[in-house]
């Protein structure tokens, strides 16, 4: 699929790290390193602007290495970029750790996955069909 992109960053376009990667790596487009304090969050610019086709969204997800090693995640994971949004992609990073994290210019901070979605039309009814699960919610199957 072709996606229109404007790159106002100091870096190359987002790329897939491997041949079978689902997500493109987004980089921090900052002029100087930024300190992300413990339990704090910040909005990080990428310098990337996109135009998605109708019926698609871009999901902004954490990078597993940053999350596992440093406790850095995307605050609203997954963040959604709608097809009609034309502003700069920014990433809401959060530091879940007890140690400050120094964010470097050009560092890969998140990944972007483009996905198709469906729009629904509500069908008001008086009751829903029965299932074996019923209204069993959080933890209803126990820990195994």
N, C-alpha and C. Protein backbone atom coordinates (compact mmCIF):
# COMPACT_ATOMS: atom_id res chain seq x y z
N UNK A 1 0.85 -1.17 0.00
CA UNK A 1 0.00 0.00 0.00
C UNK A 1 0.90 1.24 0.00
N UNK A 2 0.55 2.20 -0.78
CA UNK A 2 1.26 3.48 -0.82
C UNK A 2 0.63 4.43 0.19
N UNK A 3 1.48 5.10 0.99
CA UNK A 3 1.02 6.09 1.96
C UNK A 3 1.82 7.37 1.72
N UNK A 4 1.10 8.48 1.54
CA UNK A 4 1.77 9.77 1.36
C UNK A 4 2.41 10.18 2.69
N UNK A 5 3.63 10.72 2.60
CA UNK A 5 4.36 11.10 3.81
C UNK A 5 5.15 12.38 3.55
N UNK A 6 5.18 13.25 4.56
CA UNK A 6 6.04 14.42 4.57
C UNK A 6 7.01 14.21 5.73
N UNK A 7 8.29 14.31 5.43
CA UNK A 7 9.32 14.11 6.45
C UNK A 7 9.99 15.44 6.74
N UNK A 8 9.65 16.03 7.90
CA UNK A 8 10.28 17.27 8.34
C UNK A 8 11.29 16.99 9.44
N UNK A 9 11.64 15.72 9.62
CA UNK A 9 12.61 15.36 10.66
C UNK A 9 14.02 15.45 10.10
N UNK A 10 14.98 15.30 10.98
CA UNK A 10 16.39 15.29 10.59
C UNK A 10 16.85 13.89 10.21
N UNK A 11 15.92 12.95 10.13
CA UNK A 11 16.27 11.54 9.94
C UNK A 11 15.55 10.95 8.74
N UNK A 12 15.97 9.73 8.35
CA UNK A 12 15.32 9.05 7.23
C UNK A 12 13.88 8.72 7.60
N UNK A 13 13.11 8.33 6.60
CA UNK A 13 11.73 7.91 6.84
C UNK A 13 11.69 6.71 7.78
N UNK A 14 10.61 6.55 8.54
CA UNK A 14 10.48 5.35 9.38
C UNK A 14 10.65 4.09 8.54
N UNK A 15 11.32 3.11 9.11
CA UNK A 15 11.61 1.88 8.38
C UNK A 15 11.24 0.67 9.22
N UNK A 16 11.02 -0.45 8.52
CA UNK A 16 10.85 -1.74 9.18
C UNK A 16 12.24 -2.27 9.54
N UNK A 17 12.42 -2.75 10.76
CA UNK A 17 13.73 -3.22 11.20
C UNK A 17 14.13 -4.53 10.53
N UNK A 18 13.15 -5.39 10.25
CA UNK A 18 13.43 -6.67 9.60
C UNK A 18 12.43 -6.90 8.49
N UNK A 19 12.67 -7.90 7.70
CA UNK A 19 11.82 -8.23 6.55
C UNK A 19 10.38 -8.53 6.97
N UNK A 20 10.16 -9.09 8.15
CA UNK A 20 8.82 -9.47 8.57
C UNK A 20 8.30 -8.64 9.75
N UNK A 21 8.92 -7.50 10.01
CA UNK A 21 8.43 -6.61 11.06
C UNK A 21 7.06 -6.06 10.70
N UNK A 22 6.17 -5.99 11.68
CA UNK A 22 4.84 -5.42 11.47
C UNK A 22 4.85 -3.90 11.62
N UNK A 23 5.77 -3.40 12.44
CA UNK A 23 5.79 -1.98 12.75
C UNK A 23 7.01 -1.26 12.19
N UNK A 24 6.78 -0.01 11.81
CA UNK A 24 7.86 0.89 11.38
C UNK A 24 8.38 1.62 12.61
N UNK A 25 9.69 1.76 12.72
CA UNK A 25 10.26 2.45 13.87
C UNK A 25 10.17 3.96 13.72
N UNK A 26 9.63 4.63 14.73
CA UNK A 26 9.55 6.09 14.77
C UNK A 26 10.69 6.62 15.63
N UNK A 27 11.29 7.71 15.21
CA UNK A 27 12.43 8.30 15.92
C UNK A 27 12.07 9.62 16.58
N UNK A 28 12.75 9.92 17.68
CA UNK A 28 12.58 11.19 18.37
C UNK A 28 13.24 12.29 17.54
N UNK A 29 12.46 13.24 17.07
CA UNK A 29 12.98 14.36 16.30
C UNK A 29 13.14 15.55 17.24
N UNK A 30 14.19 15.49 18.04
CA UNK A 30 14.46 16.53 19.03
C UNK A 30 15.85 17.10 18.75
N UNK A 31 16.06 18.36 19.12
CA UNK A 31 17.34 19.02 18.85
C UNK A 31 18.37 18.74 19.92
N UNK A 32 17.92 18.38 21.10
CA UNK A 32 18.85 18.02 22.18
C UNK A 32 18.22 16.93 23.02
N UNK A 33 19.06 16.20 23.73
CA UNK A 33 18.57 15.11 24.56
C UNK A 33 17.58 15.64 25.59
N UNK A 34 16.60 14.80 25.95
CA UNK A 34 15.57 15.18 26.91
C UNK A 34 15.54 14.15 28.04
N UNK A 35 15.38 14.61 29.26
CA UNK A 35 15.31 13.72 30.41
C UNK A 35 13.85 13.43 30.73
N UNK A 36 13.52 12.15 30.76
CA UNK A 36 12.17 11.71 31.14
C UNK A 36 12.27 11.19 32.56
N UNK A 37 11.73 11.95 33.49
CA UNK A 37 11.83 11.63 34.91
C UNK A 37 11.03 10.37 35.24
N UNK A 38 11.35 9.72 36.37
CA UNK A 38 10.57 8.55 36.79
C UNK A 38 9.09 8.91 36.94
N UNK A 39 8.23 8.04 36.46
CA UNK A 39 6.78 8.17 36.55
C UNK A 39 6.25 9.42 35.86
N UNK A 40 7.01 9.96 34.93
CA UNK A 40 6.59 11.14 34.18
C UNK A 40 6.27 10.73 32.74
N UNK A 41 5.71 11.66 31.99
CA UNK A 41 5.42 11.42 30.59
C UNK A 41 5.71 12.70 29.81
N UNK A 42 5.94 12.52 28.51
CA UNK A 42 6.22 13.67 27.64
C UNK A 42 5.74 13.36 26.23
N UNK A 43 5.43 14.40 25.49
CA UNK A 43 5.02 14.28 24.10
C UNK A 43 6.26 14.52 23.24
N UNK A 44 6.63 13.51 22.45
CA UNK A 44 7.87 13.57 21.67
C UNK A 44 7.54 13.70 20.18
N UNK A 45 8.04 14.75 19.53
CA UNK A 45 7.78 14.93 18.10
C UNK A 45 8.60 13.94 17.27
N UNK A 46 8.06 13.59 16.09
CA UNK A 46 8.78 12.71 15.17
C UNK A 46 9.14 13.42 13.86
N UNK A 47 8.48 14.53 13.55
CA UNK A 47 8.72 15.22 12.30
C UNK A 47 8.06 14.54 11.10
N UNK A 48 7.21 13.53 11.36
CA UNK A 48 6.57 12.76 10.31
C UNK A 48 5.09 13.12 10.23
N UNK A 49 4.60 13.34 9.00
CA UNK A 49 3.20 13.65 8.71
C UNK A 49 2.75 12.65 7.66
N UNK A 50 1.57 12.04 7.84
CA UNK A 50 1.12 11.02 6.88
C UNK A 50 -0.31 11.27 6.43
N UNK A 51 -0.64 10.68 5.30
CA UNK A 51 -2.01 10.69 4.77
C UNK A 51 -2.41 9.25 4.48
N UNK A 52 -3.21 8.69 5.37
CA UNK A 52 -3.66 7.30 5.23
C UNK A 52 -4.90 7.21 4.36
N UNK A 53 -5.07 6.11 3.64
CA UNK A 53 -6.31 5.91 2.88
C UNK A 53 -7.50 5.68 3.82
N UNK A 54 -8.70 5.97 3.34
CA UNK A 54 -9.91 5.69 4.12
C UNK A 54 -9.91 4.22 4.54
N UNK A 55 -10.40 3.94 5.74
CA UNK A 55 -10.51 2.56 6.21
C UNK A 55 -9.25 2.05 6.90
N UNK A 56 -8.24 2.93 7.08
CA UNK A 56 -7.00 2.53 7.74
C UNK A 56 -6.69 3.47 8.89
N UNK A 57 -5.97 2.96 9.87
CA UNK A 57 -5.46 3.74 10.98
C UNK A 57 -4.00 3.38 11.16
N UNK A 58 -3.26 4.24 11.85
CA UNK A 58 -1.90 3.92 12.26
C UNK A 58 -1.92 3.79 13.77
N UNK A 59 -1.44 2.66 14.27
CA UNK A 59 -1.38 2.41 15.71
C UNK A 59 0.05 2.68 16.18
N UNK A 60 0.18 3.47 17.23
CA UNK A 60 1.49 3.77 17.80
C UNK A 60 1.66 2.89 19.03
N UNK A 61 2.70 2.06 19.00
CA UNK A 61 2.91 1.06 20.04
C UNK A 61 4.29 1.21 20.67
N UNK A 62 4.44 0.71 21.89
CA UNK A 62 5.76 0.75 22.53
C UNK A 62 6.76 -0.14 21.82
N UNK A 63 8.03 0.15 21.98
CA UNK A 63 9.10 -0.74 21.53
C UNK A 63 9.41 -1.67 22.70
N UNK A 64 9.45 -2.95 22.43
CA UNK A 64 9.60 -3.93 23.51
C UNK A 64 10.91 -3.77 24.27
N UNK A 65 11.99 -3.44 23.58
CA UNK A 65 13.28 -3.28 24.26
C UNK A 65 13.27 -2.13 25.25
N UNK A 66 12.70 -0.98 24.86
CA UNK A 66 12.62 0.16 25.78
C UNK A 66 11.75 -0.17 26.98
N UNK A 67 10.66 -0.89 26.73
CA UNK A 67 9.75 -1.24 27.82
C UNK A 67 10.42 -2.22 28.79
N UNK A 68 11.03 -3.28 28.26
CA UNK A 68 11.61 -4.32 29.12
C UNK A 68 12.85 -3.84 29.86
N UNK A 69 13.71 -3.09 29.18
CA UNK A 69 14.98 -2.68 29.78
C UNK A 69 14.89 -1.41 30.63
N UNK A 70 14.00 -0.48 30.24
CA UNK A 70 13.99 0.83 30.89
C UNK A 70 12.63 1.26 31.44
N UNK A 71 11.57 0.49 31.17
CA UNK A 71 10.24 0.88 31.63
C UNK A 71 9.63 2.01 30.83
N UNK A 72 10.09 2.22 29.59
CA UNK A 72 9.58 3.30 28.75
C UNK A 72 8.49 2.72 27.84
N UNK A 73 7.32 3.32 27.87
CA UNK A 73 6.20 2.81 27.10
C UNK A 73 5.44 3.97 26.46
N UNK A 74 4.45 3.65 25.66
CA UNK A 74 3.57 4.66 25.08
C UNK A 74 2.39 4.82 26.04
N UNK A 75 2.17 6.02 26.50
CA UNK A 75 1.19 6.28 27.55
C UNK A 75 -0.22 5.87 27.15
N UNK A 76 -0.59 6.05 25.90
CA UNK A 76 -1.94 5.73 25.45
C UNK A 76 -1.92 4.52 24.50
N UNK A 77 -1.08 3.56 24.81
CA UNK A 77 -0.86 2.42 23.91
C UNK A 77 -2.10 1.57 23.72
N UNK A 78 -2.46 1.22 22.51
CA UNK A 78 -1.87 1.84 21.32
C UNK A 78 -2.55 3.17 21.02
N UNK A 79 -1.75 4.14 20.65
CA UNK A 79 -2.30 5.41 20.18
C UNK A 79 -2.84 5.22 18.78
N UNK A 80 -3.85 5.96 18.42
CA UNK A 80 -4.45 5.83 17.09
C UNK A 80 -4.28 7.11 16.30
N UNK A 81 -3.82 6.98 15.07
CA UNK A 81 -3.79 8.10 14.13
C UNK A 81 -4.86 7.81 13.09
N UNK A 82 -5.87 8.64 13.04
CA UNK A 82 -6.98 8.46 12.11
C UNK A 82 -6.59 8.89 10.70
N UNK A 83 -7.30 8.36 9.72
CA UNK A 83 -7.01 8.64 8.31
C UNK A 83 -7.17 10.11 7.96
N UNK A 84 -7.98 10.87 8.71
CA UNK A 84 -8.17 12.28 8.39
C UNK A 84 -7.25 13.22 9.16
N UNK A 85 -6.34 12.69 9.98
CA UNK A 85 -5.39 13.52 10.73
C UNK A 85 -4.23 13.90 9.83
N UNK A 86 -3.88 15.18 9.81
CA UNK A 86 -2.79 15.64 8.96
C UNK A 86 -1.66 16.30 9.74
N UNK A 87 -1.74 16.29 11.06
CA UNK A 87 -0.69 16.91 11.87
C UNK A 87 0.50 15.99 12.05
N UNK A 88 1.49 16.51 12.74
CA UNK A 88 2.71 15.75 13.03
C UNK A 88 2.40 14.58 13.96
N UNK A 89 3.01 13.46 13.68
CA UNK A 89 2.89 12.32 14.59
C UNK A 89 3.77 12.61 15.79
N UNK A 90 3.15 12.59 16.96
CA UNK A 90 3.89 12.76 18.22
C UNK A 90 3.59 11.55 19.08
N UNK A 91 4.55 11.17 19.89
CA UNK A 91 4.43 9.98 20.71
C UNK A 91 4.38 10.38 22.18
N UNK A 92 3.34 9.93 22.89
CA UNK A 92 3.22 10.18 24.33
C UNK A 92 4.00 9.10 25.06
N UNK A 93 5.24 9.39 25.43
CA UNK A 93 6.07 8.42 26.15
C UNK A 93 5.86 8.55 27.65
N UNK A 94 5.90 7.42 28.34
CA UNK A 94 5.78 7.40 29.80
C UNK A 94 6.91 6.56 30.37
N UNK A 95 7.44 7.02 31.48
CA UNK A 95 8.51 6.30 32.18
C UNK A 95 7.90 5.62 33.40
N UNK A 96 7.74 4.31 33.32
CA UNK A 96 7.14 3.54 34.41
C UNK A 96 8.16 3.12 35.46
N UNK A 97 9.42 3.44 35.24
CA UNK A 97 10.47 2.98 36.15
C UNK A 97 10.71 4.00 37.26
N UNK A 98 11.62 3.65 38.15
CA UNK A 98 12.01 4.55 39.25
C UNK A 98 13.29 5.30 38.91
N UNK A 99 13.79 5.14 37.69
CA UNK A 99 15.01 5.83 37.26
C UNK A 99 14.71 6.74 36.07
N UNK A 100 15.39 7.88 36.03
CA UNK A 100 15.24 8.81 34.91
C UNK A 100 15.78 8.15 33.64
N UNK A 101 15.24 8.56 32.49
CA UNK A 101 15.66 8.02 31.20
C UNK A 101 16.05 9.18 30.30
N UNK A 102 17.27 9.12 29.74
CA UNK A 102 17.74 10.17 28.84
C UNK A 102 17.36 9.78 27.42
N UNK A 103 16.47 10.56 26.83
CA UNK A 103 16.01 10.33 25.47
C UNK A 103 16.94 11.06 24.51
N UNK A 104 17.53 10.32 23.57
CA UNK A 104 18.51 10.87 22.64
C UNK A 104 17.84 11.26 21.31
N UNK A 105 18.37 12.28 20.70
CA UNK A 105 17.90 12.70 19.39
C UNK A 105 18.11 11.56 18.39
N UNK A 106 17.05 11.24 17.63
CA UNK A 106 17.14 10.17 16.64
C UNK A 106 16.89 8.78 17.16
N UNK A 107 16.70 8.66 18.47
CA UNK A 107 16.46 7.34 19.06
C UNK A 107 15.10 6.80 18.62
N UNK A 108 15.07 5.49 18.37
CA UNK A 108 13.80 4.84 18.02
C UNK A 108 12.96 4.74 19.28
N UNK A 109 11.78 5.38 19.28
CA UNK A 109 10.99 5.52 20.50
C UNK A 109 9.69 4.73 20.50
N UNK A 110 9.21 4.37 19.33
CA UNK A 110 7.92 3.67 19.23
C UNK A 110 7.87 3.00 17.87
N UNK A 111 6.84 2.18 17.69
CA UNK A 111 6.62 1.61 16.37
C UNK A 111 5.21 1.92 15.90
N UNK A 112 5.08 2.03 14.60
CA UNK A 112 3.79 2.37 13.99
C UNK A 112 3.34 1.21 13.12
N UNK A 113 2.14 0.72 13.41
CA UNK A 113 1.54 -0.37 12.63
C UNK A 113 0.30 0.18 11.94
N UNK A 114 0.23 0.02 10.63
CA UNK A 114 -0.94 0.46 9.86
C UNK A 114 -1.90 -0.71 9.75
N UNK A 115 -3.16 -0.47 10.09
CA UNK A 115 -4.15 -1.54 10.13
C UNK A 115 -5.48 -1.08 9.53
N UNK A 116 -6.16 -2.01 8.90
CA UNK A 116 -7.50 -1.77 8.39
C UNK A 116 -8.48 -1.83 9.57
N UNK A 117 -9.54 -1.07 9.50
CA UNK A 117 -10.58 -1.14 10.53
C UNK A 117 -11.95 -1.12 9.88
N UNK A 118 -12.95 -1.51 10.64
CA UNK A 118 -14.34 -1.50 10.19
C UNK A 118 -15.11 -0.46 11.00
N UNK A 119 -16.02 0.23 10.35
CA UNK A 119 -16.94 1.13 11.05
C UNK A 119 -18.24 0.37 11.25
N UNK A 120 -18.88 0.60 12.37
CA UNK A 120 -20.10 -0.15 12.68
C UNK A 120 -21.33 0.72 12.57
N UNK A 121 -22.46 0.08 12.50
CA UNK A 121 -23.76 0.73 12.63
C UNK A 121 -24.46 0.03 13.79
N UNK A 122 -24.94 0.78 14.75
CA UNK A 122 -25.61 0.20 15.92
C UNK A 122 -26.92 -0.45 15.50
N UNK A 123 -27.21 -1.59 16.13
CA UNK A 123 -28.49 -2.28 15.94
C UNK A 123 -29.11 -2.42 17.34
N UNK A 124 -29.92 -1.45 17.76
CA UNK A 124 -30.52 -1.53 19.09
C UNK A 124 -31.41 -2.76 19.24
N UNK A 125 -31.22 -3.51 20.35
CA UNK A 125 -32.02 -4.69 20.66
C UNK A 125 -32.35 -4.65 22.15
N UNK A 126 -33.28 -5.51 22.57
CA UNK A 126 -33.64 -5.58 23.98
C UNK A 126 -32.75 -6.52 24.77
N UNK A 127 -32.13 -7.50 24.09
CA UNK A 127 -31.27 -8.47 24.77
C UNK A 127 -30.25 -9.01 23.77
N UNK A 128 -29.15 -9.54 24.31
CA UNK A 128 -28.10 -10.14 23.50
C UNK A 128 -28.21 -11.66 23.57
N UNK A 129 -27.63 -12.36 22.59
CA UNK A 129 -27.67 -13.82 22.61
C UNK A 129 -26.86 -14.36 23.79
N UNK A 130 -27.25 -15.54 24.27
CA UNK A 130 -26.57 -16.19 25.40
C UNK A 130 -25.30 -16.90 24.92
N UNK A 131 -24.26 -16.91 25.77
CA UNK A 131 -23.04 -17.68 25.52
C UNK A 131 -22.63 -18.39 26.78
N UNK A 132 -21.73 -19.35 26.67
CA UNK A 132 -21.23 -20.06 27.86
C UNK A 132 -20.51 -19.10 28.80
N UNK A 133 -19.82 -18.12 28.26
CA UNK A 133 -19.09 -17.16 29.08
C UNK A 133 -20.02 -16.17 29.77
N UNK A 134 -21.05 -15.76 29.06
CA UNK A 134 -21.98 -14.79 29.65
C UNK A 134 -21.29 -13.47 29.94
N UNK A 135 -21.45 -12.97 31.17
CA UNK A 135 -20.86 -11.69 31.52
C UNK A 135 -19.56 -11.85 32.32
N UNK A 136 -18.95 -13.04 32.26
CA UNK A 136 -17.67 -13.27 32.95
C UNK A 136 -16.60 -12.35 32.40
N UNK A 137 -16.02 -11.56 33.25
CA UNK A 137 -15.05 -10.55 32.81
C UNK A 137 -13.65 -10.81 33.31
N UNK A 138 -13.03 -9.79 33.81
CA UNK A 138 -11.64 -9.83 34.24
C UNK A 138 -11.36 -11.02 35.16
N UNK A 139 -10.45 -11.89 34.71
CA UNK A 139 -10.00 -13.01 35.53
C UNK A 139 -10.99 -14.14 35.68
N UNK A 140 -12.03 -14.17 34.88
CA UNK A 140 -13.08 -15.18 35.09
C UNK A 140 -12.60 -16.60 34.82
N UNK A 141 -11.48 -16.78 34.10
CA UNK A 141 -10.97 -18.14 33.85
C UNK A 141 -9.89 -18.54 34.85
N UNK A 142 -9.55 -17.64 35.78
CA UNK A 142 -8.57 -17.95 36.81
C UNK A 142 -7.15 -17.82 36.32
N UNK A 143 -6.21 -18.18 37.21
CA UNK A 143 -4.78 -18.16 36.86
C UNK A 143 -4.32 -19.58 36.61
N UNK A 144 -3.58 -19.78 35.57
CA UNK A 144 -3.10 -21.13 35.24
C UNK A 144 -1.62 -21.13 35.04
